[in-house]
Every structure is written in C-alpha cells, then in structure tokens.
Amino acid sequence: MSITIHRKTKTPGSSFLLKLEINNQQIEKIRPNQMIELDIPGQTATVALKQFAVRNKPITIGNDDFLEITVKPSFNYYYWTLIVSFTTLFFILSLKWRLILIFFLLLQSLIVGFFYNFYELKIIKKL
C-alpha cells in the first residue's frame, strides 16, 4: 500500500518535527511543508501524529490515500495571544516576576498542548 503525506504548516510555532506513527510504530519524522511517500504493508493502517505533550487521534487509511497535516485555526489565536501577553507583561514586571511569568507561560503551553491537539490529520483524497 502506498500513501502520500503532506505537512502543510507555515505557522511560526509549528516548526517542530512531528513523528508519524503507523500501526503504533514510529515510522518517519516530517518537517513543515514536507511531502513524503510511504509504502506500507497491508490494505489498511492507522496513522497518528506524536510530538512532546501533543496527542492526536489516529485515523484509518487505505491504499493510495493522500493525507494532509495542518494546524487548526485556533492555534493561531492561542499563539498570538500568548506572544502579546508575554511581551506586554515582560516589560511591565520586575526581574523576579518576569522569571515567574516565563515559568507559568511555559507550563501553561505544555498543559494546553497535552489536552488540546493543535495539529489536524485528514484524508484529502483517495488517489
């Protein structure tokens, strides 16, 4: 079985490598705007994305499927809200509170990333 996967992400915060898991085995890592073709044994398989503190619901694919990885629009709102609030508070607060702010913003990002999936994996078309 042959599949094509395109990671269509250009968002500034989405520049990390994503791990592709096929049938619960890590097969490949994919970069932003990268397109890869994979040959997988069998007629169907389950594909999921994995990244530190990011969960993704696996999908079932068939022969000659074209998959696309995108960033959900809500990620853009979250990302820019985080940047604006961090920048504003960073210049207002003293050094001690800046360090506390950095810690809490990083912690919040990990928690949100763990419970909410910013990446979407979908079948675009069957070739």
C-alpha atoms as a PDB file:
ATOM      1  CA  MET A   1       0.000   0.000   0.000  1.00  0.00           C
ATOM      2  CA  SER A   2       1.265   3.448  -0.870  1.00  0.00           C
ATOM      3  CA  ILE A   3       0.299   6.735   0.817  1.00  0.00           C
ATOM      4  CA  THR A   4       1.352  10.352   0.423  1.00  0.00           C
ATOM      5  CA  ILE A   5       1.567  12.713   3.412  1.00  0.00           C
ATOM      6  CA  HIS A   6       1.942  16.499   3.123  1.00  0.00           C
ATOM      7  CA  ARG A   7       2.594  18.649   6.176  1.00  0.00           C
ATOM      8  CA  LYS A   8       1.032  21.945   5.200  1.00  0.00           C
ATOM      9  CA  THR A   9       2.123  24.098   8.152  1.00  0.00           C
ATOM     10  CA  LYS A  10       3.701  27.528   7.941  1.00  0.00           C
ATOM     11  CA  THR A  11       2.733  28.923  11.335  1.00  0.00           C
ATOM     12  CA  PRO A  12       5.729  30.249  13.332  1.00  0.00           C
ATOM     13  CA  GLY A  13       5.038  27.974  16.284  1.00  0.00           C
ATOM     14  CA  SER A  14       4.700  24.834  14.169  1.00  0.00           C
ATOM     15  CA  SER A  15       8.306  24.457  13.076  1.00  0.00           C
ATOM     16  CA  PHE A  16       8.971  21.366  15.171  1.00  0.00           C
ATOM     17  CA  LEU A  17       9.370  17.877  13.782  1.00  0.00           C
ATOM     18  CA  LEU A  18       6.296  15.673  14.020  1.00  0.00           C
ATOM     19  CA  LYS A  19       6.637  11.923  14.407  1.00  0.00           C
ATOM     20  CA  LEU A  20       4.398   9.738  12.262  1.00  0.00           C
ATOM     21  CA  GLU A  21       3.206   6.553  13.877  1.00  0.00           C
ATOM     22  CA  ILE A  22       1.770   3.896  11.630  1.00  0.00           C
ATOM     23  CA  ASN A  23       0.169   0.910  13.346  1.00  0.00           C
ATOM     24  CA  ASN A  24       1.637   2.122  16.688  1.00  0.00           C
ATOM     25  CA  GLN A  25       5.217   2.127  15.388  1.00  0.00           C
ATOM     26  CA  GLN A  26       7.208   5.289  14.752  1.00  0.00           C
ATOM     27  CA  ILE A  27       7.980   5.269  11.051  1.00  0.00           C
ATOM     28  CA  GLU A  28       9.048   8.742   9.967  1.00  0.00           C
ATOM     29  CA  LYS A  29       9.584  12.333  11.098  1.00  0.00           C
ATOM     30  CA  ILE A  30       8.105  15.091   8.989  1.00  0.00           C
ATOM     31  CA  ARG A  31       9.124  18.764   8.755  1.00  0.00           C
ATOM     32  CA  PRO A  32       6.932  21.768   7.867  1.00  0.00           C
ATOM     33  CA  ASN A  33       5.963  21.863   4.172  1.00  0.00           C
ATOM     34  CA  GLN A  34       7.476  18.433   3.571  1.00  0.00           C
ATOM     35  CA  MET A  35       5.775  15.810   1.415  1.00  0.00           C
ATOM     36  CA  ILE A  36       6.654  12.152   1.814  1.00  0.00           C
ATOM     37  CA  GLU A  37       5.513   8.954   0.165  1.00  0.00           C
ATOM     38  CA  LEU A  38       5.449   5.760   2.184  1.00  0.00           C
ATOM     39  CA  ASP A  39       4.968   2.137   1.248  1.00  0.00           C
ATOM     40  CA  ILE A  40       3.166   0.257   3.995  1.00  0.00           C
ATOM     41  CA  PRO A  41       2.378  -3.455   4.047  1.00  0.00           C
ATOM     42  CA  GLY A  42      -1.314  -4.375   4.145  1.00  0.00           C
ATOM     43  CA  GLN A  43      -4.503  -2.811   2.797  1.00  0.00           C
ATOM     44  CA  THR A  44      -5.323  -0.543   5.757  1.00  0.00           C
ATOM     45  CA  ALA A  45      -3.339   1.092   8.544  1.00  0.00           C
ATOM     46  CA  THR A  46      -3.787   3.570  11.383  1.00  0.00           C
ATOM     47  CA  VAL A  47      -1.789   6.797  11.294  1.00  0.00           C
ATOM     48  CA  ALA A  48      -1.227   9.159  14.227  1.00  0.00           C
ATOM     49  CA  LEU A  49       0.959  12.189  14.941  1.00  0.00           C
ATOM     50  CA  LYS A  50       3.156  12.380  18.009  1.00  0.00           C
ATOM     51  CA  GLN A  51       5.072  15.275  19.471  1.00  0.00           C
ATOM     52  CA  PHE A  52       6.137  16.101  23.005  1.00  0.00           C
ATOM     53  CA  ALA A  53       2.981  16.856  25.041  1.00  0.00           C
ATOM     54  CA  VAL A  54       0.789  16.698  21.905  1.00  0.00           C
ATOM     55  CA  ARG A  55      -1.796  13.997  21.365  1.00  0.00           C
ATOM     56  CA  ASN A  56      -3.540  13.155  18.117  1.00  0.00           C
ATOM     57  CA  LYS A  57      -6.456  10.873  17.368  1.00  0.00           C
ATOM     58  CA  PRO A  58      -5.350   8.140  14.932  1.00  0.00           C
ATOM     59  CA  ILE A  59      -7.146   7.771  11.609  1.00  0.00           C
ATOM     60  CA  THR A  60      -7.547   4.703   9.421  1.00  0.00           C
ATOM     61  CA  ILE A  61      -6.199   4.941   5.901  1.00  0.00           C
ATOM     62  CA  GLY A  62      -6.345   2.798   2.787  1.00  0.00           C
ATOM     63  CA  ASN A  63      -4.301   2.298  -0.350  1.00  0.00           C
ATOM     64  CA  ASP A  64      -3.224   5.416  -2.292  1.00  0.00           C
ATOM     65  CA  ASP A  65      -4.647   7.884   0.237  1.00  0.00           C
ATOM     66  CA  PHE A  66      -3.357  11.464   0.282  1.00  0.00           C
ATOM     67  CA  LEU A  67      -3.066  12.788   3.854  1.00  0.00           C
ATOM     68  CA  GLU A  68      -2.614  16.381   4.897  1.00  0.00           C
ATOM     69  CA  ILE A  69      -1.327  17.702   8.217  1.00  0.00           C
ATOM     70  CA  THR A  70      -2.498  21.213   9.055  1.00  0.00           C
ATOM     71  CA  VAL A  71      -2.586  23.488  12.090  1.00  0.00           C
ATOM     72  CA  LYS A  72      -6.041  24.232  13.454  1.00  0.00           C
ATOM     73  CA  PRO A  73      -7.026  27.931  13.199  1.00  0.00           C
ATOM     74  CA  SER A  74      -7.449  28.144  16.976  1.00  0.00           C
ATOM     75  CA  PHE A  75      -3.682  27.601  17.323  1.00  0.00           C
ATOM     76  CA  ASN A  76      -3.041  30.969  15.645  1.00  0.00           C
ATOM     77  CA  TYR A  77      -5.272  32.746  18.156  1.00  0.00           C
ATOM     78  CA  TYR A  78      -3.613  30.962  21.068  1.00  0.00           C
ATOM     79  CA  TYR A  79      -0.094  31.593  19.737  1.00  0.00           C
ATOM     80  CA  TRP A  80      -0.544  35.342  19.135  1.00  0.00           C
ATOM     81  CA  THR A  81      -2.401  35.854  22.427  1.00  0.00           C
ATOM     82  CA  LEU A  82       0.488  34.194  24.204  1.00  0.00           C
ATOM     83  CA  ILE A  83       3.067  36.352  22.393  1.00  0.00           C
ATOM     84  CA  VAL A  84       1.230  39.637  23.020  1.00  0.00           C
ATOM     85  CA  SER A  85       0.544  38.921  26.698  1.00  0.00           C
ATOM     86  CA  PHE A  86       4.112  37.747  27.293  1.00  0.00           C
ATOM     87  CA  THR A  87       5.645  40.783  25.580  1.00  0.00           C
ATOM     88  CA  THR A  88       3.393  43.246  27.381  1.00  0.00           C
ATOM     89  CA  LEU A  89       3.898  41.769  30.826  1.00  0.00           C
ATOM     90  CA  PHE A  90       7.617  41.232  30.291  1.00  0.00           C
ATOM     91  CA  PHE A  91       8.252  44.963  30.033  1.00  0.00           C
ATOM     92  CA  ILE A  92       5.962  45.886  32.921  1.00  0.00           C
ATOM     93  CA  LEU A  93       7.143  43.418  35.561  1.00  0.00           C
ATOM     94  CA  SER A  94      10.338  43.318  37.605  1.00  0.00           C
ATOM     95  CA  LEU A  95      13.003  40.637  37.026  1.00  0.00           C
ATOM     96  CA  LYS A  96      11.638  38.306  39.715  1.00  0.00           C
ATOM     97  CA  TRP A  97       8.131  38.406  38.275  1.00  0.00           C
ATOM     98  CA  ARG A  98       9.472  38.008  34.717  1.00  0.00           C
ATOM     99  CA  LEU A  99      11.020  34.659  35.656  1.00  0.00           C
ATOM    100  CA  ILE A 100       7.785  33.560  37.303  1.00  0.00           C
ATOM    101  CA  LEU A 101       5.858  34.688  34.212  1.00  0.00           C
ATOM    102  CA  ILE A 102       8.130  32.686  31.904  1.00  0.00           C
ATOM    103  CA  PHE A 103       7.708  29.584  34.069  1.00  0.00           C
ATOM    104  CA  PHE A 104       3.902  29.841  34.130  1.00  0.00           C
ATOM    105  CA  LEU A 105       3.606  30.540  30.398  1.00  0.00           C
ATOM    106  CA  LEU A 106       5.755  27.503  29.587  1.00  0.00           C
ATOM    107  CA  LEU A 107       3.759  25.372  31.996  1.00  0.00           C
ATOM    108  CA  GLN A 108       0.501  26.621  30.507  1.00  0.00           C
ATOM    109  CA  SER A 109       1.719  25.816  26.977  1.00  0.00           C
ATOM    110  CA  LEU A 110       2.554  22.263  27.975  1.00  0.00           C
ATOM    111  CA  ILE A 111      -0.796  21.753  29.679  1.00  0.00           C
ATOM    112  CA  VAL A 112      -2.796  23.201  26.783  1.00  0.00           C
ATOM    113  CA  GLY A 113      -0.768  21.174  24.270  1.00  0.00           C
ATOM    114  CA  PHE A 114      -1.410  17.998  26.244  1.00  0.00           C
ATOM    115  CA  PHE A 115      -5.196  18.401  26.373  1.00  0.00           C
ATOM    116  CA  TYR A 116      -5.822  20.142  23.056  1.00  0.00           C
ATOM    117  CA  ASN A 117      -4.485  18.966  19.732  1.00  0.00           C
ATOM    118  CA  PHE A 118      -3.303  21.831  17.524  1.00  0.00           C
ATOM    119  CA  TYR A 119      -2.483  19.577  14.553  1.00  0.00           C
ATOM    120  CA  GLU A 120      -5.097  18.019  12.332  1.00  0.00           C
ATOM    121  CA  LEU A 121      -4.505  14.921  10.219  1.00  0.00           C
ATOM    122  CA  LYS A 122      -7.084  14.326   7.489  1.00  0.00           C
ATOM    123  CA  ILE A 123      -7.562  12.381   4.295  1.00  0.00           C
ATOM    124  CA  ILE A 124      -7.788  14.832   1.410  1.00  0.00           C
ATOM    125  CA  LYS A 125      -8.476  12.412  -1.415  1.00  0.00           C
ATOM    126  CA  LYS A 126      -8.164   8.857  -2.456  1.00  0.00           C
ATOM    127  CA  LEU A 127      -5.948   8.614  -5.495  1.00  0.00           C
END
